[in-house]
């Protein structure tokens, strides 16, 4: 923790931080539902979520909702560090399209990895500084013919494994082809690009334009 003069000052800052985190996460959830609505992705009304930077707490078999063991990371209880929102699916000119958005609140760990610096997920002092780090969102999508199957990449552990690779990759657009021959695309944006309905729509237009250039299909 930062050097703070008194314990009272310390906990004032913690209370400010937790309230700010709440407001941030509330806004992100609203943003994700807005994107889902603009793109008309199904199913309506809900979004599936994966916690990615660390594992979600284990469900308790006894009294509590979850189980805290000595091996748990504090990150296990801080979901917004890296969260995947599976926004859903839709038909695009006869093909099937699916989309996830991954919210990475602090890329300082990945920045340090990118620079081949010694970094430990459990020691935030080894991350790149907050000032040198960014908050980003990755849009992860796949498009396939009706008779093809989705890639096996749509699993929580595989998504986290790939997130580590995508965050270290310097490209802002990563185009790939699955074993089934489907287009699998990752596009990175700053979270500041999702601060208004207009800027969100501009991001979605950029995604749609790239998808059309690559596959001939547009999602808007």
C-alpha atoms as a PDB file:
ATOM      1  CA  UNK A   1       0.000   0.000   0.000  1.00  0.00           C
ATOM      2  CA  UNK A   2       0.947   3.638  -0.371  1.00  0.00           C
ATOM      3  CA  UNK A   3       2.689   5.426   2.454  1.00  0.00           C
ATOM      4  CA  UNK A   4      -0.115   7.187   4.301  1.00  0.00           C
ATOM      5  CA  UNK A   5       0.430   9.240   7.445  1.00  0.00           C
ATOM      6  CA  UNK A   6      -2.332   7.803   9.596  1.00  0.00           C
ATOM      7  CA  UNK A   7      -4.562   4.749   9.709  1.00  0.00           C
ATOM      8  CA  UNK A   8      -7.560   7.097   9.551  1.00  0.00           C
ATOM      9  CA  UNK A   9      -6.291   8.553   6.262  1.00  0.00           C
ATOM     10  CA  UNK A  10      -5.654   5.036   4.977  1.00  0.00           C
ATOM     11  CA  UNK A  11      -9.233   3.909   5.493  1.00  0.00           C
ATOM     12  CA  UNK A  12     -10.672   7.155   4.143  1.00  0.00           C
ATOM     13  CA  UNK A  13      -8.831   6.378   0.906  1.00  0.00           C
ATOM     14  CA  UNK A  14     -10.058   2.775   0.958  1.00  0.00           C
ATOM     15  CA  UNK A  15     -13.668   3.931   1.374  1.00  0.00           C
ATOM     16  CA  UNK A  16     -13.254   6.377  -1.498  1.00  0.00           C
ATOM     17  CA  UNK A  17     -11.719   3.629  -3.646  1.00  0.00           C
ATOM     18  CA  UNK A  18     -14.474   1.077  -3.006  1.00  0.00           C
ATOM     19  CA  UNK A  19     -17.190   3.623  -3.826  1.00  0.00           C
ATOM     20  CA  UNK A  20     -15.380   4.640  -7.003  1.00  0.00           C
ATOM     21  CA  UNK A  21     -14.980   0.985  -7.952  1.00  0.00           C
ATOM     22  CA  UNK A  22     -18.713   0.465  -7.465  1.00  0.00           C
ATOM     23  CA  UNK A  23     -19.592   3.412  -9.721  1.00  0.00           C
ATOM     24  CA  UNK A  24     -17.105   2.200 -12.334  1.00  0.00           C
ATOM     25  CA  UNK A  25     -18.432  -1.348 -12.351  1.00  0.00           C
ATOM     26  CA  UNK A  26     -22.045  -0.150 -12.451  1.00  0.00           C
ATOM     27  CA  UNK A  27     -21.209   1.911 -15.523  1.00  0.00           C
ATOM     28  CA  UNK A  28     -19.375  -0.968 -17.201  1.00  0.00           C
ATOM     29  CA  UNK A  29     -22.342  -3.293 -16.710  1.00  0.00           C
ATOM     30  CA  UNK A  30     -24.668  -0.713 -18.239  1.00  0.00           C
ATOM     31  CA  UNK A  31     -22.242  -0.237 -21.128  1.00  0.00           C
ATOM     32  CA  UNK A  32     -22.185  -3.954 -21.867  1.00  0.00           C
ATOM     33  CA  UNK A  33     -25.978  -4.184 -21.938  1.00  0.00           C
ATOM     34  CA  UNK A  34     -26.049  -1.126 -24.203  1.00  0.00           C
ATOM     35  CA  UNK A  35     -23.629  -2.765 -26.662  1.00  0.00           C
ATOM     36  CA  UNK A  36     -25.680  -5.967 -26.572  1.00  0.00           C
ATOM     37  CA  UNK A  37     -28.829  -3.983 -27.341  1.00  0.00           C
ATOM     38  CA  UNK A  38     -27.289  -1.950 -30.189  1.00  0.00           C
ATOM     39  CA  UNK A  39     -26.059  -5.147 -31.878  1.00  0.00           C
ATOM     40  CA  UNK A  40     -29.288  -7.036 -31.081  1.00  0.00           C
ATOM     41  CA  UNK A  41     -27.436 -10.045 -29.690  1.00  0.00           C
ATOM     42  CA  UNK A  42     -29.314 -12.936 -28.131  1.00  0.00           C
ATOM     43  CA  UNK A  43     -30.294 -14.027 -25.574  1.00  0.00           C
ATOM     44  CA  UNK A  44     -31.829 -10.762 -24.447  1.00  0.00           C
ATOM     45  CA  UNK A  45     -31.740  -9.655 -20.832  1.00  0.00           C
ATOM     46  CA  UNK A  46     -28.651 -11.440 -19.589  1.00  0.00           C
ATOM     47  CA  UNK A  47     -24.892 -11.632 -20.131  1.00  0.00           C
ATOM     48  CA  UNK A  48     -22.672 -14.585 -19.228  1.00  0.00           C
ATOM     49  CA  UNK A  49     -19.513 -13.584 -17.330  1.00  0.00           C
ATOM     50  CA  UNK A  50     -16.090 -15.154 -16.840  1.00  0.00           C
ATOM     51  CA  UNK A  51     -13.579 -13.871 -14.296  1.00  0.00           C
ATOM     52  CA  UNK A  52     -10.192 -14.031 -16.022  1.00  0.00           C
ATOM     53  CA  UNK A  53      -7.237 -12.508 -14.156  1.00  0.00           C
ATOM     54  CA  UNK A  54      -7.630 -15.076 -11.401  1.00  0.00           C
ATOM     55  CA  UNK A  55     -10.084 -17.816 -10.520  1.00  0.00           C
ATOM     56  CA  UNK A  56     -13.501 -17.113  -9.058  1.00  0.00           C
ATOM     57  CA  UNK A  57     -13.853 -18.129  -5.401  1.00  0.00           C
ATOM     58  CA  UNK A  58     -14.771 -21.780  -4.852  1.00  0.00           C
ATOM     59  CA  UNK A  59     -18.387 -22.400  -3.862  1.00  0.00           C
ATOM     60  CA  UNK A  60     -18.817 -23.405  -0.248  1.00  0.00           C
ATOM     61  CA  UNK A  61     -20.380 -26.716   0.733  1.00  0.00           C
ATOM     62  CA  UNK A  62     -21.132 -25.464   4.228  1.00  0.00           C
ATOM     63  CA  UNK A  63     -22.283 -22.103   5.610  1.00  0.00           C
ATOM     64  CA  UNK A  64     -20.846 -19.451   3.315  1.00  0.00           C
ATOM     65  CA  UNK A  65     -21.636 -18.729  -0.304  1.00  0.00           C
ATOM     66  CA  UNK A  66     -17.960 -19.129  -1.207  1.00  0.00           C
ATOM     67  CA  UNK A  67     -14.956 -20.699   0.436  1.00  0.00           C
ATOM     68  CA  UNK A  68     -11.848 -18.741   1.424  1.00  0.00           C
ATOM     69  CA  UNK A  69      -8.673 -20.777   1.793  1.00  0.00           C
ATOM     70  CA  UNK A  70      -5.110 -19.719   2.518  1.00  0.00           C
ATOM     71  CA  UNK A  71      -4.311 -20.278  -1.140  1.00  0.00           C
ATOM     72  CA  UNK A  72      -6.877 -17.758  -2.392  1.00  0.00           C
ATOM     73  CA  UNK A  73      -5.544 -14.610  -3.999  1.00  0.00           C
ATOM     74  CA  UNK A  74      -7.062 -11.273  -3.031  1.00  0.00           C
ATOM     75  CA  UNK A  75      -7.609 -10.900  -6.802  1.00  0.00           C
ATOM     76  CA  UNK A  76     -10.118 -13.766  -6.603  1.00  0.00           C
ATOM     77  CA  UNK A  77     -12.569 -11.366  -4.966  1.00  0.00           C
ATOM     78  CA  UNK A  78     -11.913  -8.437  -7.323  1.00  0.00           C
ATOM     79  CA  UNK A  79     -13.826  -9.272 -10.491  1.00  0.00           C
ATOM     80  CA  UNK A  80     -13.295  -6.096 -12.580  1.00  0.00           C
ATOM     81  CA  UNK A  81      -9.532  -6.582 -12.964  1.00  0.00           C
ATOM     82  CA  UNK A  82     -10.286  -8.700 -16.049  1.00  0.00           C
ATOM     83  CA  UNK A  83     -13.836  -9.788 -16.887  1.00  0.00           C
ATOM     84  CA  UNK A  84     -15.231 -11.421 -19.995  1.00  0.00           C
ATOM     85  CA  UNK A  85     -18.799 -10.512 -20.900  1.00  0.00           C
ATOM     86  CA  UNK A  86     -20.197 -12.992 -23.400  1.00  0.00           C
ATOM     87  CA  UNK A  87     -22.611 -10.645 -25.147  1.00  0.00           C
ATOM     88  CA  UNK A  88     -24.284 -13.266 -27.321  1.00  0.00           C
ATOM     89  CA  UNK A  89     -24.963 -14.293 -30.897  1.00  0.00           C
ATOM     90  CA  UNK A  90     -26.823 -13.208 -34.024  1.00  0.00           C
ATOM     91  CA  UNK A  91     -27.298 -14.126 -37.664  1.00  0.00           C
ATOM     92  CA  UNK A  92     -25.247 -12.048 -40.104  1.00  0.00           C
ATOM     93  CA  UNK A  93     -26.295 -12.574 -43.721  1.00  0.00           C
ATOM     94  CA  UNK A  94     -26.923 -16.259 -43.087  1.00  0.00           C
ATOM     95  CA  UNK A  95     -23.789 -16.846 -41.010  1.00  0.00           C
ATOM     96  CA  UNK A  96     -23.538 -17.121 -37.217  1.00  0.00           C
ATOM     97  CA  UNK A  97     -21.718 -14.412 -35.266  1.00  0.00           C
ATOM     98  CA  UNK A  98     -20.789 -14.311 -31.575  1.00  0.00           C
ATOM     99  CA  UNK A  99     -19.089 -11.642 -29.476  1.00  0.00           C
ATOM    100  CA  UNK A 100     -17.402 -11.213 -26.113  1.00  0.00           C
ATOM    101  CA  UNK A 101     -16.032  -8.024 -24.591  1.00  0.00           C
ATOM    102  CA  UNK A 102     -13.177  -8.359 -22.109  1.00  0.00           C
ATOM    103  CA  UNK A 103     -12.771  -5.496 -19.653  1.00  0.00           C
ATOM    104  CA  UNK A 104      -9.164  -5.116 -18.500  1.00  0.00           C
ATOM    105  CA  UNK A 105      -9.166  -2.415 -15.859  1.00  0.00           C
ATOM    106  CA  UNK A 106      -5.386  -2.311 -15.376  1.00  0.00           C
ATOM    107  CA  UNK A 107      -2.946  -3.690 -17.947  1.00  0.00           C
ATOM    108  CA  UNK A 108       0.103  -2.963 -15.770  1.00  0.00           C
ATOM    109  CA  UNK A 109       0.873  -6.655 -15.275  1.00  0.00           C
ATOM    110  CA  UNK A 110       0.744  -7.321 -19.010  1.00  0.00           C
ATOM    111  CA  UNK A 111       2.765  -4.181 -19.777  1.00  0.00           C
ATOM    112  CA  UNK A 112       5.564  -5.466 -17.552  1.00  0.00           C
ATOM    113  CA  UNK A 113       5.370  -8.888 -19.238  1.00  0.00           C
ATOM    114  CA  UNK A 114       5.492  -7.206 -22.634  1.00  0.00           C
ATOM    115  CA  UNK A 115       8.750  -5.526 -21.608  1.00  0.00           C
ATOM    116  CA  UNK A 116      10.203  -8.806 -20.266  1.00  0.00           C
ATOM    117  CA  UNK A 117      10.334  -7.371 -16.751  1.00  0.00           C
ATOM    118  CA  UNK A 118      10.160  -9.663 -13.698  1.00  0.00           C
ATOM    119  CA  UNK A 119       6.524  -9.427 -12.626  1.00  0.00           C
ATOM    120  CA  UNK A 120       4.350 -11.310 -10.155  1.00  0.00           C
ATOM    121  CA  UNK A 121       0.538 -11.215 -10.219  1.00  0.00           C
ATOM    122  CA  UNK A 122       0.535 -11.173  -6.427  1.00  0.00           C
ATOM    123  CA  UNK A 123       2.900  -8.199  -6.145  1.00  0.00           C
ATOM    124  CA  UNK A 124       1.405  -5.072  -7.689  1.00  0.00           C
ATOM    125  CA  UNK A 125       4.677  -3.216  -7.092  1.00  0.00           C
ATOM    126  CA  UNK A 126       6.183  -5.278  -9.934  1.00  0.00           C
ATOM    127  CA  UNK A 127       3.555  -4.038 -12.409  1.00  0.00           C
ATOM    128  CA  UNK A 128       4.169  -1.097 -14.706  1.00  0.00           C
ATOM    129  CA  UNK A 129       3.185   2.075 -12.901  1.00  0.00           C
ATOM    130  CA  UNK A 130      -0.456   3.161 -12.902  1.00  0.00           C
ATOM    131  CA  UNK A 131       0.533   6.222 -14.929  1.00  0.00           C
ATOM    132  CA  UNK A 132       2.232   4.101 -17.597  1.00  0.00           C
ATOM    133  CA  UNK A 133      -0.578   1.535 -17.748  1.00  0.00           C
ATOM    134  CA  UNK A 134      -3.931   1.587 -19.508  1.00  0.00           C
ATOM    135  CA  UNK A 135      -7.511   0.423 -19.145  1.00  0.00           C
ATOM    136  CA  UNK A 136      -8.605  -1.474 -22.232  1.00  0.00           C
ATOM    137  CA  UNK A 137     -11.428  -3.518 -23.706  1.00  0.00           C
ATOM    138  CA  UNK A 138     -10.923  -6.406 -26.099  1.00  0.00           C
ATOM    139  CA  UNK A 139     -13.735  -7.367 -28.460  1.00  0.00           C
ATOM    140  CA  UNK A 140     -13.422 -11.066 -29.251  1.00  0.00           C
ATOM    141  CA  UNK A 141     -15.580 -12.448 -32.053  1.00  0.00           C
ATOM    142  CA  UNK A 142     -16.076 -15.391 -34.365  1.00  0.00           C
ATOM    143  CA  UNK A 143     -18.142 -15.760 -37.522  1.00  0.00           C
ATOM    144  CA  UNK A 144     -19.021 -19.121 -39.036  1.00  0.00           C
ATOM    145  CA  UNK A 145     -21.327 -20.791 -41.556  1.00  0.00           C
ATOM    146  CA  UNK A 146     -24.429 -22.520 -40.188  1.00  0.00           C
ATOM    147  CA  UNK A 147     -22.971 -25.984 -40.737  1.00  0.00           C
ATOM    148  CA  UNK A 148     -19.703 -25.234 -38.911  1.00  0.00           C
ATOM    149  CA  UNK A 149     -19.070 -25.439 -35.152  1.00  0.00           C
ATOM    150  CA  UNK A 150     -17.749 -22.757 -32.828  1.00  0.00           C
ATOM    151  CA  UNK A 151     -14.062 -22.864 -31.896  1.00  0.00           C
ATOM    152  CA  UNK A 152     -13.104 -24.585 -28.660  1.00  0.00           C
ATOM    153  CA  UNK A 153     -11.669 -21.259 -27.555  1.00  0.00           C
ATOM    154  CA  UNK A 154     -15.017 -20.314 -26.009  1.00  0.00           C
ATOM    155  CA  UNK A 155     -14.168 -21.731 -22.605  1.00  0.00           C
ATOM    156  CA  UNK A 156     -13.147 -19.829 -19.495  1.00  0.00           C
ATOM    157  CA  UNK A 157      -9.658 -21.334 -19.072  1.00  0.00           C
ATOM    158  CA  UNK A 158      -8.871 -21.064 -22.783  1.00  0.00           C
ATOM    159  CA  UNK A 159     -10.063 -17.465 -22.845  1.00  0.00           C
ATOM    160  CA  UNK A 160      -7.785 -16.552 -19.923  1.00  0.00           C
ATOM    161  CA  UNK A 161      -4.842 -18.346 -21.556  1.00  0.00           C
ATOM    162  CA  UNK A 162      -5.442 -16.447 -24.794  1.00  0.00           C
ATOM    163  CA  UNK A 163      -5.965 -13.139 -22.988  1.00  0.00           C
ATOM    164  CA  UNK A 164      -2.397 -13.401 -21.691  1.00  0.00           C
ATOM    165  CA  UNK A 165      -1.196 -13.757 -25.291  1.00  0.00           C
ATOM    166  CA  UNK A 166      -3.415 -11.035 -26.720  1.00  0.00           C
ATOM    167  CA  UNK A 167      -2.399  -8.502 -24.073  1.00  0.00           C
ATOM    168  CA  UNK A 168       1.298  -9.070 -24.726  1.00  0.00           C
ATOM    169  CA  UNK A 169       0.747  -8.870 -28.492  1.00  0.00           C
ATOM    170  CA  UNK A 170       1.403  -5.300 -29.663  1.00  0.00           C
ATOM    171  CA  UNK A 171      -1.215  -5.492 -32.426  1.00  0.00           C
ATOM    172  CA  UNK A 172      -4.527  -3.736 -31.841  1.00  0.00           C
ATOM    173  CA  UNK A 173      -6.268  -6.048 -34.337  1.00  0.00           C
ATOM    174  CA  UNK A 174      -5.525  -9.770 -34.309  1.00  0.00           C
ATOM    175  CA  UNK A 175      -7.068 -11.774 -37.162  1.00  0.00           C
ATOM    176  CA  UNK A 176      -7.005 -15.545 -36.973  1.00  0.00           C
ATOM    177  CA  UNK A 177      -8.582 -18.578 -38.624  1.00  0.00           C
ATOM    178  CA  UNK A 178      -9.853 -21.488 -36.520  1.00  0.00           C
ATOM    179  CA  UNK A 179      -9.328 -25.163 -37.330  1.00  0.00           C
ATOM    180  CA  UNK A 180     -12.863 -25.151 -38.732  1.00  0.00           C
ATOM    181  CA  UNK A 181     -11.909 -22.304 -41.083  1.00  0.00           C
ATOM    182  CA  UNK A 182     -13.886 -19.639 -39.217  1.00  0.00           C
ATOM    183  CA  UNK A 183     -12.697 -16.068 -38.785  1.00  0.00           C
ATOM    184  CA  UNK A 184     -11.698 -15.369 -35.165  1.00  0.00           C
ATOM    185  CA  UNK A 185     -10.974 -11.700 -34.516  1.00  0.00           C
ATOM    186  CA  UNK A 186      -9.722  -9.681 -31.533  1.00  0.00           C
ATOM    187  CA  UNK A 187      -9.870  -5.874 -31.568  1.00  0.00           C
ATOM    188  CA  UNK A 188      -8.481  -3.728 -28.743  1.00  0.00           C
ATOM    189  CA  UNK A 189      -9.736  -0.306 -27.695  1.00  0.00           C
ATOM    190  CA  UNK A 190      -9.186   2.037 -24.788  1.00  0.00           C
ATOM    191  CA  UNK A 191     -11.961   1.959 -22.204  1.00  0.00           C
ATOM    192  CA  UNK A 192     -12.151   5.719 -22.681  1.00  0.00           C
ATOM    193  CA  UNK A 193     -13.713   4.916 -26.083  1.00  0.00           C
ATOM    194  CA  UNK A 194     -16.782   3.558 -24.276  1.00  0.00           C
ATOM    195  CA  UNK A 195     -17.660   6.663 -22.255  1.00  0.00           C
ATOM    196  CA  UNK A 196     -20.619   7.853 -24.347  1.00  0.00           C
ATOM    197  CA  UNK A 197     -23.281   6.363 -26.604  1.00  0.00           C
ATOM    198  CA  UNK A 198     -21.714   8.168 -29.573  1.00  0.00           C
ATOM    199  CA  UNK A 199     -18.190   6.880 -28.922  1.00  0.00           C
ATOM    200  CA  UNK A 200     -19.532   3.357 -28.303  1.00  0.00           C
ATOM    201  CA  UNK A 201     -21.346   3.453 -31.637  1.00  0.00           C
ATOM    202  CA  UNK A 202     -18.136   4.646 -33.336  1.00  0.00           C
ATOM    203  CA  UNK A 203     -16.270   1.657 -31.873  1.00  0.00           C
ATOM    204  CA  UNK A 204     -18.967  -0.749 -33.049  1.00  0.00           C
ATOM    205  CA  UNK A 205     -18.838   0.818 -36.523  1.00  0.00           C
ATOM    206  CA  UNK A 206     -15.066   0.250 -36.651  1.00  0.00           C
ATOM    207  CA  UNK A 207     -15.602  -3.383 -35.671  1.00  0.00           C
ATOM    208  CA  UNK A 208     -18.332  -3.769 -38.298  1.00  0.00           C
ATOM    209  CA  UNK A 209     -16.194  -2.155 -40.996  1.00  0.00           C
ATOM    210  CA  UNK A 210     -13.261  -4.463 -40.252  1.00  0.00           C
ATOM    211  CA  UNK A 211     -15.520  -7.493 -40.228  1.00  0.00           C
ATOM    212  CA  UNK A 212     -16.997  -6.479 -43.582  1.00  0.00           C
ATOM    213  CA  UNK A 213     -13.546  -5.969 -45.106  1.00  0.00           C
ATOM    214  CA  UNK A 214     -12.417  -9.356 -43.828  1.00  0.00           C
ATOM    215  CA  UNK A 215     -15.510 -11.489 -44.397  1.00  0.00           C
ATOM    216  CA  UNK A 216     -17.974  -9.450 -46.430  1.00  0.00           C
ATOM    217  CA  UNK A 217     -20.334  -9.419 -43.428  1.00  0.00           C
ATOM    218  CA  UNK A 218     -21.302  -6.345 -41.375  1.00  0.00           C
ATOM    219  CA  UNK A 219     -22.846  -6.422 -37.903  1.00  0.00           C
ATOM    220  CA  UNK A 220     -24.367  -2.920 -38.127  1.00  0.00           C
END
